[in-house]
């Protein structure tokens, strides 16, 4: 059974990442107690995904020279929003969620 506070923190880790990137999931991951496993797990997955997105954006910026970077930036932005919303919905339903394209930096 997951408490409503844990659900809210898990949802916030996904939702705030839309506006702050990896900063909000990082803060939530560091602030959450280790006993709140559900919220901590969601914050960790959101943090890993946002670090992956940040790396992809940096690579896309370098690829702007070849003109494919603009398309990649657009696709990364759309995928970021879609996957974060899916993660937020899964957190509100007390389900685990693993992003399909995230490198696991934080274990």
PDB file of N, CA and C in Angstrom:
ATOM      1  N   UNK A   1       0.847  -1.184   0.000  1.00  0.00           N
ATOM      2  CA  UNK A   1       0.000   0.000   0.000  1.00  0.00           C
ATOM      3  C   UNK A   1       0.888   1.241   0.000  1.00  0.00           C
ATOM      4  N   UNK A   2       0.639   2.116  -0.948  1.00  0.00           N
ATOM      5  CA  UNK A   2       1.424   3.334  -1.103  1.00  0.00           C
ATOM      6  C   UNK A   2       0.615   4.505  -0.552  1.00  0.00           C
ATOM      7  N   UNK A   3       1.242   5.304   0.297  1.00  0.00           N
ATOM      8  CA  UNK A   3       0.531   6.441   0.885  1.00  0.00           C
ATOM      9  C   UNK A   3       0.363   7.550  -0.163  1.00  0.00           C
ATOM     10  N   UNK A   4      -0.566   8.444   0.107  1.00  0.00           N
ATOM     11  CA  UNK A   4      -0.820   9.537  -0.834  1.00  0.00           C
ATOM     12  C   UNK A   4       0.357  10.501  -0.897  1.00  0.00           C
ATOM     13  N   UNK A   5       1.093  10.653   0.202  1.00  0.00           N
ATOM     14  CA  UNK A   5       2.279  11.515   0.177  1.00  0.00           C
ATOM     15  C   UNK A   5       3.352  10.940  -0.751  1.00  0.00           C
ATOM     16  N   UNK A   6       3.531   9.634  -0.689  1.00  0.00           N
ATOM     17  CA  UNK A   6       4.511   8.998  -1.576  1.00  0.00           C
ATOM     18  C   UNK A   6       4.080   9.127  -3.034  1.00  0.00           C
ATOM     19  N   UNK A   7       2.782   8.939  -3.296  1.00  0.00           N
ATOM     20  CA  UNK A   7       2.283   9.106  -4.657  1.00  0.00           C
ATOM     21  C   UNK A   7       2.521  10.520  -5.155  1.00  0.00           C
ATOM     22  N   UNK A   8       2.229  11.504  -4.297  1.00  0.00           N
ATOM     23  CA  UNK A   8       2.404  12.900  -4.693  1.00  0.00           C
ATOM     24  C   UNK A   8       3.866  13.232  -4.989  1.00  0.00           C
ATOM     25  N   UNK A   9       4.771  12.752  -4.153  1.00  0.00           N
ATOM     26  CA  UNK A   9       6.193  13.006  -4.393  1.00  0.00           C
ATOM     27  C   UNK A   9       6.666  12.307  -5.671  1.00  0.00           C
ATOM     28  N   UNK A  10       6.166  11.106  -5.907  1.00  0.00           N
ATOM     29  CA  UNK A  10       6.527  10.392  -7.135  1.00  0.00           C
ATOM     30  C   UNK A  10       6.008  11.126  -8.362  1.00  0.00           C
ATOM     31  N   UNK A  11       4.768  11.602  -8.280  1.00  0.00           N
ATOM     32  CA  UNK A  11       4.198  12.357  -9.399  1.00  0.00           C
ATOM     33  C   UNK A  11       4.960  13.661  -9.623  1.00  0.00           C
ATOM     34  N   UNK A  12       5.323  14.338  -8.544  1.00  0.00           N
ATOM     35  CA  UNK A  12       6.058  15.596  -8.670  1.00  0.00           C
ATOM     36  C   UNK A  12       7.430  15.389  -9.304  1.00  0.00           C
ATOM     37  N   UNK A  13       8.062  14.271  -9.016  1.00  0.00           N
ATOM     38  CA  UNK A  13       9.378  14.030  -9.603  1.00  0.00           C
ATOM     39  C   UNK A  13       9.299  13.943 -11.125  1.00  0.00           C
ATOM     40  N   UNK A  14       8.188  13.440 -11.655  1.00  0.00           N
ATOM     41  CA  UNK A  14       8.003  13.380 -13.105  1.00  0.00           C
ATOM     42  C   UNK A  14       7.490  14.717 -13.643  1.00  0.00           C
ATOM     43  N   UNK A  15       6.512  15.275 -12.978  1.00  0.00           N
ATOM     44  CA  UNK A  15       5.848  16.483 -13.471  1.00  0.00           C
ATOM     45  C   UNK A  15       6.774  17.694 -13.456  1.00  0.00           C
ATOM     46  N   UNK A  16       7.503  17.891 -12.386  1.00  0.00           N
ATOM     47  CA  UNK A  16       8.388  19.048 -12.295  1.00  0.00           C
ATOM     48  C   UNK A  16       9.573  18.938 -13.242  1.00  0.00           C
ATOM     49  N   UNK A  17       9.910  17.731 -13.656  1.00  0.00           N
ATOM     50  CA  UNK A  17      11.010  17.545 -14.601  1.00  0.00           C
ATOM     51  C   UNK A  17      10.702  18.182 -15.957  1.00  0.00           C
ATOM     52  N   UNK A  18       9.435  18.353 -16.269  1.00  0.00           N
ATOM     53  CA  UNK A  18       9.063  19.022 -17.517  1.00  0.00           C
ATOM     54  C   UNK A  18       9.593  20.450 -17.517  1.00  0.00           C
ATOM     55  N   UNK A  19       9.579  21.090 -16.367  1.00  0.00           N
ATOM     56  CA  UNK A  19       9.964  22.498 -16.275  1.00  0.00           C
ATOM     57  C   UNK A  19      11.402  22.705 -15.819  1.00  0.00           C
ATOM     58  N   UNK A  20      11.946  21.781 -15.014  1.00  0.00           N
ATOM     59  CA  UNK A  20      13.260  22.006 -14.415  1.00  0.00           C
ATOM     60  C   UNK A  20      14.343  21.054 -14.908  1.00  0.00           C
ATOM     61  N   UNK A  21      13.990  20.111 -15.752  1.00  0.00           N
ATOM     62  CA  UNK A  21      14.986  19.143 -16.198  1.00  0.00           C
ATOM     63  C   UNK A  21      15.329  18.177 -15.082  1.00  0.00           C
ATOM     64  N   UNK A  22      16.614  17.950 -14.873  1.00  0.00           N
ATOM     65  CA  UNK A  22      17.025  16.971 -13.868  1.00  0.00           C
ATOM     66  C   UNK A  22      17.094  17.545 -12.460  1.00  0.00           C
ATOM     67  N   UNK A  23      16.881  18.851 -12.288  1.00  0.00           N
ATOM     68  CA  UNK A  23      17.044  19.489 -10.978  1.00  0.00           C
ATOM     69  C   UNK A  23      15.977  19.000  -9.979  1.00  0.00           C
ATOM     70  N   UNK A  24      14.711  19.031 -10.351  1.00  0.00           N
ATOM     71  CA  UNK A  24      13.640  18.625  -9.433  1.00  0.00           C
ATOM     72  C   UNK A  24      13.736  17.144  -9.045  1.00  0.00           C
ATOM     73  N   UNK A  25      13.933  16.215 -10.004  1.00  0.00           N
ATOM     74  CA  UNK A  25      14.093  14.816  -9.579  1.00  0.00           C
ATOM     75  C   UNK A  25      15.305  14.605  -8.684  1.00  0.00           C
ATOM     76  N   UNK A  26      16.384  15.359  -8.923  1.00  0.00           N
ATOM     77  CA  UNK A  26      17.569  15.243  -8.087  1.00  0.00           C
ATOM     78  C   UNK A  26      17.282  15.704  -6.666  1.00  0.00           C
ATOM     79  N   UNK A  27      16.605  16.828  -6.525  1.00  0.00           N
ATOM     80  CA  UNK A  27      16.269  17.341  -5.193  1.00  0.00           C
ATOM     81  C   UNK A  27      15.338  16.371  -4.473  1.00  0.00           C
ATOM     82  N   UNK A  28      14.324  15.882  -5.173  1.00  0.00           N
ATOM     83  CA  UNK A  28      13.389  14.943  -4.553  1.00  0.00           C
ATOM     84  C   UNK A  28      14.108  13.659  -4.166  1.00  0.00           C
ATOM     85  N   UNK A  29      14.998  13.181  -5.019  1.00  0.00           N
ATOM     86  CA  UNK A  29      15.752  11.957  -4.721  1.00  0.00           C
ATOM     87  C   UNK A  29      16.621  12.138  -3.481  1.00  0.00           C
ATOM     88  N   UNK A  30      17.220  13.307  -3.323  1.00  0.00           N
ATOM     89  CA  UNK A  30      18.088  13.547  -2.181  1.00  0.00           C
ATOM     90  C   UNK A  30      17.323  13.812  -0.892  1.00  0.00           C
ATOM     91  N   UNK A  31      16.113  14.353  -1.004  1.00  0.00           N
ATOM     92  CA  UNK A  31      15.330  14.719   0.177  1.00  0.00           C
ATOM     93  C   UNK A  31      14.520  13.543   0.721  1.00  0.00           C
ATOM     94  N   UNK A  32      14.059  12.671  -0.162  1.00  0.00           N
ATOM     95  CA  UNK A  32      13.200  11.547   0.234  1.00  0.00           C
ATOM     96  C   UNK A  32      13.973  10.585   1.133  1.00  0.00           C
ATOM     97  N   UNK A  33      13.314  10.129   2.186  1.00  0.00           N
ATOM     98  CA  UNK A  33      13.904   9.118   3.069  1.00  0.00           C
ATOM     99  C   UNK A  33      14.034   7.791   2.335  1.00  0.00           C
ATOM    100  N   UNK A  34      14.969   6.981   2.771  1.00  0.00           N
ATOM    101  CA  UNK A  34      15.163   5.671   2.147  1.00  0.00           C
ATOM    102  C   UNK A  34      14.005   4.727   2.431  1.00  0.00           C
ATOM    103  N   UNK A  35      13.199   5.022   3.450  1.00  0.00           N
ATOM    104  CA  UNK A  35      12.065   4.159   3.750  1.00  0.00           C
ATOM    105  C   UNK A  35      10.895   4.390   2.794  1.00  0.00           C
ATOM    106  N   UNK A  36      10.868   5.515   2.094  1.00  0.00           N
ATOM    107  CA  UNK A  36       9.832   5.797   1.089  1.00  0.00           C
ATOM    108  C   UNK A  36      10.308   5.258  -0.255  1.00  0.00           C
ATOM    109  N   UNK A  37      10.302   3.958  -0.392  1.00  0.00           N
ATOM    110  CA  UNK A  37      10.880   3.309  -1.562  1.00  0.00           C
ATOM    111  C   UNK A  37      10.152   3.662  -2.855  1.00  0.00           C
ATOM    112  N   UNK A  38       8.835   3.800  -2.811  1.00  0.00           N
ATOM    113  CA  UNK A  38       8.066   4.079  -4.024  1.00  0.00           C
ATOM    114  C   UNK A  38       8.447   5.435  -4.610  1.00  0.00           C
ATOM    115  N   UNK A  39       8.418   6.474  -3.796  1.00  0.00           N
ATOM    116  CA  UNK A  39       8.739   7.821  -4.274  1.00  0.00           C
ATOM    117  C   UNK A  39      10.208   7.921  -4.668  1.00  0.00           C
ATOM    118  N   UNK A  40      11.067   7.267  -3.917  1.00  0.00           N
ATOM    119  CA  UNK A  40      12.498   7.309  -4.220  1.00  0.00           C
ATOM    120  C   UNK A  40      12.802   6.612  -5.548  1.00  0.00           C
ATOM    121  N   UNK A  41      12.128   5.508  -5.806  1.00  0.00           N
ATOM    122  CA  UNK A  41      12.328   4.788  -7.067  1.00  0.00           C
ATOM    123  C   UNK A  41      11.873   5.631  -8.260  1.00  0.00           C
ATOM    124  N   UNK A  42      10.723   6.289  -8.138  1.00  0.00           N
ATOM    125  CA  UNK A  42      10.237   7.147  -9.221  1.00  0.00           C
ATOM    126  C   UNK A  42      11.152   8.346  -9.424  1.00  0.00           C
ATOM    127  N   UNK A  43      11.640   8.929  -8.347  1.00  0.00           N
ATOM    128  CA  UNK A  43      12.568  10.062  -8.470  1.00  0.00           C
ATOM    129  C   UNK A  43      13.859   9.607  -9.149  1.00  0.00           C
ATOM    130  N   UNK A  44      14.322   8.415  -8.824  1.00  0.00           N
ATOM    131  CA  UNK A  44      15.545   7.886  -9.430  1.00  0.00           C
ATOM    132  C   UNK A  44      15.361   7.654 -10.923  1.00  0.00           C
ATOM    133  N   UNK A  45      14.226   7.074 -11.318  1.00  0.00           N
ATOM    134  CA  UNK A  45      14.003   6.826 -12.743  1.00  0.00           C
ATOM    135  C   UNK A  45      13.832   8.137 -13.511  1.00  0.00           C
ATOM    136  N   UNK A  46      13.149   9.107 -12.904  1.00  0.00           N
ATOM    137  CA  UNK A  46      12.989  10.410 -13.561  1.00  0.00           C
ATOM    138  C   UNK A  46      14.340  11.113 -13.687  1.00  0.00           C
ATOM    139  N   UNK A  47      15.176  11.000 -12.672  1.00  0.00           N
ATOM    140  CA  UNK A  47      16.513  11.607 -12.704  1.00  0.00           C
ATOM    141  C   UNK A  47      17.363  10.972 -13.799  1.00  0.00           C
ATOM    142  N   UNK A  48      17.366   9.658 -13.878  1.00  0.00           N
ATOM    143  CA  UNK A  48      18.134   8.981 -14.925  1.00  0.00           C
ATOM    144  C   UNK A  48      17.653   9.377 -16.312  1.00  0.00           C
ATOM    145  N   UNK A  49      16.353   9.476 -16.487  1.00  0.00           N
ATOM    146  CA  UNK A  49      15.815   9.858 -17.787  1.00  0.00           C
ATOM    147  C   UNK A  49      16.193  11.287 -18.140  1.00  0.00           C
ATOM    148  N   UNK A  50      16.115  12.193 -17.184  1.00  0.00           N
ATOM    149  CA  UNK A  50      16.448  13.590 -17.460  1.00  0.00           C
ATOM    150  C   UNK A  50      17.935  13.778 -17.752  1.00  0.00           C
ATOM    151  N   UNK A  51      18.794  13.005 -17.114  1.00  0.00           N
ATOM    152  CA  UNK A  51      20.224  13.066 -17.449  1.00  0.00           C
ATOM    153  C   UNK A  51      20.442  12.566 -18.874  1.00  0.00           C
ATOM    154  N   UNK A  52      19.742  11.504 -19.249  1.00  0.00           N
ATOM    155  CA  UNK A  52      19.820  10.984 -20.611  1.00  0.00           C
ATOM    156  C   UNK A  52      19.333  12.016 -21.616  1.00  0.00           C
ATOM    157  N   UNK A  53      18.224  12.689 -21.308  1.00  0.00           N
ATOM    158  CA  UNK A  53      17.683  13.719 -22.191  1.00  0.00           C
ATOM    159  C   UNK A  53      18.667  14.884 -22.321  1.00  0.00           C
ATOM    160  N   UNK A  54      19.289  15.277 -21.225  1.00  0.00           N
ATOM    161  CA  UNK A  54      20.257  16.371 -21.267  1.00  0.00           C
ATOM    162  C   UNK A  54      21.435  16.025 -22.172  1.00  0.00           C
ATOM    163  N   UNK A  55      21.928  14.816 -22.077  1.00  0.00           N
ATOM    164  CA  UNK A  55      23.022  14.378 -22.948  1.00  0.00           C
ATOM    165  C   UNK A  55      22.572  14.378 -24.410  1.00  0.00           C
ATOM    166  N   UNK A  56      21.345  13.901 -24.676  1.00  0.00           N
ATOM    167  CA  UNK A  56      20.828  13.874 -26.041  1.00  0.00           C
ATOM    168  C   UNK A  56      20.668  15.285 -26.601  1.00  0.00           C
ATOM    169  N   UNK A  57      20.261  16.225 -25.768  1.00  0.00           N
ATOM    170  CA  UNK A  57      20.110  17.614 -26.223  1.00  0.00           C
ATOM    171  C   UNK A  57      21.477  18.209 -26.563  1.00  0.00           C
ATOM    172  N   UNK A  58      22.475  17.932 -25.742  1.00  0.00           N
ATOM    173  CA  UNK A  58      23.822  18.442 -26.020  1.00  0.00           C
ATOM    174  C   UNK A  58      24.352  17.888 -27.340  1.00  0.00           C
ATOM    175  N   UNK A  59      24.154  16.604 -27.573  1.00  0.00           N
ATOM    176  CA  UNK A  59      24.576  15.996 -28.839  1.00  0.00           C
ATOM    177  C   UNK A  59      23.808  16.618 -30.003  1.00  0.00           C
ATOM    178  N   UNK A  60      22.518  16.864 -29.828  1.00  0.00           N
ATOM    179  CA  UNK A  60      21.700  17.456 -30.889  1.00  0.00           C
ATOM    180  C   UNK A  60      22.139  18.878 -31.208  1.00  0.00           C
ATOM    181  N   UNK A  61      22.562  19.606 -30.188  1.00  0.00           N
ATOM    182  CA  UNK A  61      23.041  20.966 -30.424  1.00  0.00           C
ATOM    183  C   UNK A  61      24.297  20.938 -31.301  1.00  0.00           C
ATOM    184  N   UNK A  62      25.182  19.979 -31.052  1.00  0.00           N
ATOM    185  CA  UNK A  62      26.351  19.847 -31.916  1.00  0.00           C
ATOM    186  C   UNK A  62      25.967  19.426 -33.328  1.00  0.00           C
ATOM    187  N   UNK A  63      24.882  18.667 -33.453  1.00  0.00           N
ATOM    188  CA  UNK A  63      24.440  18.215 -34.779  1.00  0.00           C
ATOM    189  C   UNK A  63      23.641  19.272 -35.531  1.00  0.00           C
ATOM    190  N   UNK A  64      23.418  20.423 -34.928  1.00  0.00           N
ATOM    191  CA  UNK A  64      22.747  21.514 -35.644  1.00  0.00           C
ATOM    192  C   UNK A  64      23.569  21.952 -36.853  1.00  0.00           C
ATOM    193  N   UNK A  65      24.855  21.731 -36.792  1.00  0.00           N
ATOM    194  CA  UNK A  65      25.722  22.072 -37.919  1.00  0.00           C
ATOM    195  C   UNK A  65      25.342  21.259 -39.153  1.00  0.00           C
ATOM    196  N   UNK A  66      24.943  20.026 -38.950  1.00  0.00           N
ATOM    197  CA  UNK A  66      24.589  19.137 -40.054  1.00  0.00           C
ATOM    198  C   UNK A  66      23.094  19.239 -40.384  1.00  0.00           C
ATOM    199  N   UNK A  67      22.361  20.057 -39.669  1.00  0.00           N
ATOM    200  CA  UNK A  67      20.934  20.316 -39.851  1.00  0.00           C
ATOM    201  C   UNK A  67      20.018  19.202 -39.374  1.00  0.00           C
ATOM    202  N   UNK A  68      20.546  18.072 -38.959  1.00  0.00           N
ATOM    203  CA  UNK A  68      19.694  17.027 -38.403  1.00  0.00           C
ATOM    204  C   UNK A  68      19.389  17.304 -36.931  1.00  0.00           C
ATOM    205  N   UNK A  69      20.190  18.160 -36.316  1.00  0.00           N
ATOM    206  CA  UNK A  69      20.030  18.481 -34.909  1.00  0.00           C
ATOM    207  C   UNK A  69      18.699  19.126 -34.589  1.00  0.00           C
ATOM    208  N   UNK A  70      18.171  19.946 -35.509  1.00  0.00           N
ATOM    209  CA  UNK A  70      16.879  20.608 -35.276  1.00  0.00           C
ATOM    210  C   UNK A  70      15.760  19.576 -35.163  1.00  0.00           C
ATOM    211  N   UNK A  71      15.772  18.608 -36.044  1.00  0.00           N
ATOM    212  CA  UNK A  71      14.763  17.548 -35.995  1.00  0.00           C
ATOM    213  C   UNK A  71      14.918  16.727 -34.719  1.00  0.00           C
ATOM    214  N   UNK A  72      16.150  16.416 -34.348  1.00  0.00           N
ATOM    215  CA  UNK A  72      16.390  15.653 -33.123  1.00  0.00           C
ATOM    216  C   UNK A  72      15.941  16.415 -31.884  1.00  0.00           C
ATOM    217  N   UNK A  73      16.206  17.712 -31.831  1.00  0.00           N
ATOM    218  CA  UNK A  73      15.756  18.518 -30.690  1.00  0.00           C
ATOM    219  C   UNK A  73      14.242  18.484 -30.556  1.00  0.00           C
ATOM    220  N   UNK A  74      13.554  18.585 -31.682  1.00  0.00           N
ATOM    221  CA  UNK A  74      12.090  18.532 -31.668  1.00  0.00           C
ATOM    222  C   UNK A  74      11.598  17.175 -31.172  1.00  0.00           C
ATOM    223  N   UNK A  75      12.178  16.095 -31.688  1.00  0.00           N
ATOM    224  CA  UNK A  75      11.759  14.750 -31.289  1.00  0.00           C
ATOM    225  C   UNK A  75      12.088  14.461 -29.832  1.00  0.00           C
ATOM    226  N   UNK A  76      13.228  14.932 -29.375  1.00  0.00           N
ATOM    227  CA  UNK A  76      13.597  14.743 -27.966  1.00  0.00           C
ATOM    228  C   UNK A  76      12.617  15.476 -27.058  1.00  0.00           C
ATOM    229  N   UNK A  77      12.237  16.695 -27.437  1.00  0.00           N
ATOM    230  CA  UNK A  77      11.276  17.470 -26.638  1.00  0.00           C
ATOM    231  C   UNK A  77       9.927  16.780 -26.542  1.00  0.00           C
ATOM    232  N   UNK A  78       9.429  16.289 -27.658  1.00  0.00           N
ATOM    233  CA  UNK A  78       8.134  15.591 -27.666  1.00  0.00           C
ATOM    234  C   UNK A  78       8.211  14.311 -26.834  1.00  0.00           C
ATOM    235  N   UNK A  79       9.260  13.519 -27.053  1.00  0.00           N
ATOM    236  CA  UNK A  79       9.407  12.268 -26.301  1.00  0.00           C
ATOM    237  C   UNK A  79       9.545  12.539 -24.808  1.00  0.00           C
ATOM    238  N   UNK A  80      10.261  13.585 -24.449  1.00  0.00           N
ATOM    239  CA  UNK A  80      10.441  13.943 -23.044  1.00  0.00           C
ATOM    240  C   UNK A  80       9.094  14.216 -22.388  1.00  0.00           C
ATOM    241  N   UNK A  81       8.281  15.033 -23.004  1.00  0.00           N
ATOM    242  CA  UNK A  81       6.975  15.380 -22.426  1.00  0.00           C
ATOM    243  C   UNK A  81       6.070  14.157 -22.345  1.00  0.00           C
ATOM    244  N   UNK A  82       6.028  13.371 -23.409  1.00  0.00           N
ATOM    245  CA  UNK A  82       5.147  12.194 -23.440  1.00  0.00           C
ATOM    246  C   UNK A  82       5.543  11.189 -22.355  1.00  0.00           C
ATOM    247  N   UNK A  83       6.841  10.870 -22.263  1.00  0.00           N
ATOM    248  CA  UNK A  83       7.285   9.882 -21.284  1.00  0.00           C
ATOM    249  C   UNK A  83       7.121  10.382 -19.853  1.00  0.00           C
ATOM    250  N   UNK A  84       7.322  11.683 -19.625  1.00  0.00           N
ATOM    251  CA  UNK A  84       7.127  12.223 -18.281  1.00  0.00           C
ATOM    252  C   UNK A  84       5.656  12.175 -17.870  1.00  0.00           C
ATOM    253  N   UNK A  85       4.760  12.432 -18.787  1.00  0.00           N
ATOM    254  CA  UNK A  85       3.327  12.352 -18.471  1.00  0.00           C
ATOM    255  C   UNK A  85       2.930  10.904 -18.185  1.00  0.00           C
ATOM    256  N   UNK A  86       3.459   9.965 -18.961  1.00  0.00           N
ATOM    257  CA  UNK A  86       3.179   8.552 -18.701  1.00  0.00           C
ATOM    258  C   UNK A  86       3.694   8.157 -17.316  1.00  0.00           C
ATOM    259  N   UNK A  87       4.888   8.605 -16.970  1.00  0.00           N
ATOM    260  CA  UNK A  87       5.443   8.322 -15.649  1.00  0.00           C
ATOM    261  C   UNK A  87       4.605   8.921 -14.531  1.00  0.00           C
ATOM    262  N   UNK A  88       4.089  10.115 -14.742  1.00  0.00           N
ATOM    263  CA  UNK A  88       3.232  10.769 -13.749  1.00  0.00           C
ATOM    264  C   UNK A  88       1.934   9.988 -13.553  1.00  0.00           C
ATOM    265  N   UNK A  89       1.349   9.518 -14.638  1.00  0.00           N
ATOM    266  CA  UNK A  89       0.109   8.737 -14.550  1.00  0.00           C
ATOM    267  C   UNK A  89       0.363   7.400 -13.853  1.00  0.00           C
ATOM    268  N   UNK A  90       1.471   6.759 -14.185  1.00  0.00           N
ATOM    269  CA  UNK A  90       1.801   5.487 -13.525  1.00  0.00           C
ATOM    270  C   UNK A  90       2.021   5.695 -12.029  1.00  0.00           C
ATOM    271  N   UNK A  91       2.670   6.799 -11.659  1.00  0.00           N
ATOM    272  CA  UNK A  91       2.893   7.090 -10.237  1.00  0.00           C
ATOM    273  C   UNK A  91       1.570   7.337  -9.524  1.00  0.00           C
ATOM    274  N   UNK A  92       0.639   8.009 -10.180  1.00  0.00           N
ATOM    275  CA  UNK A  92      -0.653   8.270  -9.539  1.00  0.00           C
ATOM    276  C   UNK A  92      -1.476   6.998  -9.376  1.00  0.00           C
ATOM    277  N   UNK A  93      -1.189   5.984 -10.206  1.00  0.00           N
ATOM    278  CA  UNK A  93      -1.872   4.691 -10.100  1.00  0.00           C
ATOM    279  C   UNK A  93      -1.102   3.703  -9.229  1.00  0.00           C
ATOM    280  N   UNK A  94      -0.072   4.163  -8.531  1.00  0.00           N
ATOM    281  CA  UNK A  94       0.767   3.336  -7.656  1.00  0.00           C
ATOM    282  C   UNK A  94       1.464   2.208  -8.401  1.00  0.00           C
ATOM    283  N   UNK A  95       1.859   2.469  -9.643  1.00  0.00           N
ATOM    284  CA  UNK A  95       2.558   1.475 -10.450  1.00  0.00           C
ATOM    285  C   UNK A  95       4.004   1.918 -10.650  1.00  0.00           C
ATOM    286  N   UNK A  96       4.881   0.937 -10.815  1.00  0.00           N
ATOM    287  CA  UNK A  96       6.263   1.252 -11.161  1.00  0.00           C
ATOM    288  C   UNK A  96       6.324   1.630 -12.633  1.00  0.00           C
ATOM    289  N   UNK A  97       7.312   2.470 -12.973  1.00  0.00           N
ATOM    290  CA  UNK A  97       7.489   2.856 -14.371  1.00  0.00           C
ATOM    291  C   UNK A  97       8.971   2.938 -14.681  1.00  0.00           C
ATOM    292  N   UNK A  98       9.357   2.338 -15.779  1.00  0.00           N
ATOM    293  CA  UNK A  98      10.727   2.414 -16.254  1.00  0.00           C
ATOM    294  C   UNK A  98      10.699   3.028 -17.639  1.00  0.00           C
ATOM    295  N   UNK A  99      11.451   4.106 -17.810  1.00  0.00           N
ATOM    296  CA  UNK A  99      11.504   4.770 -19.108  1.00  0.00           C
ATOM    297  C   UNK A  99      12.144   3.846 -20.136  1.00  0.00           C
ATOM    298  N   UNK A 100      11.603   3.827 -21.356  1.00  0.00           N
ATOM    299  CA  UNK A 100      12.125   2.893 -22.360  1.00  0.00           C
ATOM    300  C   UNK A 100      13.521   3.254 -22.868  1.00  0.00           C
ATOM    301  N   UNK A 101      13.900   4.512 -22.803  1.00  0.00           N
ATOM    302  CA  UNK A 101      15.202   4.920 -23.347  1.00  0.00           C
ATOM    303  C   UNK A 101      15.976   5.753 -22.318  1.00  0.00           C
ATOM    304  N   UNK A 102      16.295   5.168 -21.201  1.00  0.00           N
ATOM    305  CA  UNK A 102      17.045   5.883 -20.163  1.00  0.00           C
ATOM    306  C   UNK A 102      18.285   5.093 -19.787  1.00  0.00           C
ATOM    307  N   UNK A 103      19.400   5.794 -19.711  1.00  0.00           N
ATOM    308  CA  UNK A 103      20.636   5.187 -19.248  1.00  0.00           C
ATOM    309  C   UNK A 103      20.624   5.257 -17.729  1.00  0.00           C
ATOM    310  N   UNK A 104      20.995   4.181 -17.081  1.00  0.00           N
ATOM    311  CA  UNK A 104      20.929   4.130 -15.617  1.00  0.00           C
ATOM    312  C   UNK A 104      22.231   4.662 -15.012  1.00  0.00           C
ATOM    313  N   UNK A 105      22.248   5.956 -14.705  1.00  0.00           N
ATOM    314  CA  UNK A 105      23.403   6.580 -14.083  1.00  0.00           C
ATOM    315  C   UNK A 105      23.350   6.423 -12.564  1.00  0.00           C
ATOM    316  N   UNK A 106      22.161   6.627 -11.995  1.00  0.00           N
ATOM    317  CA  UNK A 106      21.953   6.524 -10.547  1.00  0.00           C
ATOM    318  C   UNK A 106      21.337   5.156 -10.279  1.00  0.00           C
ATOM    319  N   UNK A 107      21.984   4.396  -9.391  1.00  0.00           N
ATOM    320  CA  UNK A 107      21.470   3.051  -9.117  1.00  0.00           C
ATOM    321  C   UNK A 107      20.927   2.937  -7.732  1.00  0.00           C
TER     322      UNK A 107
END
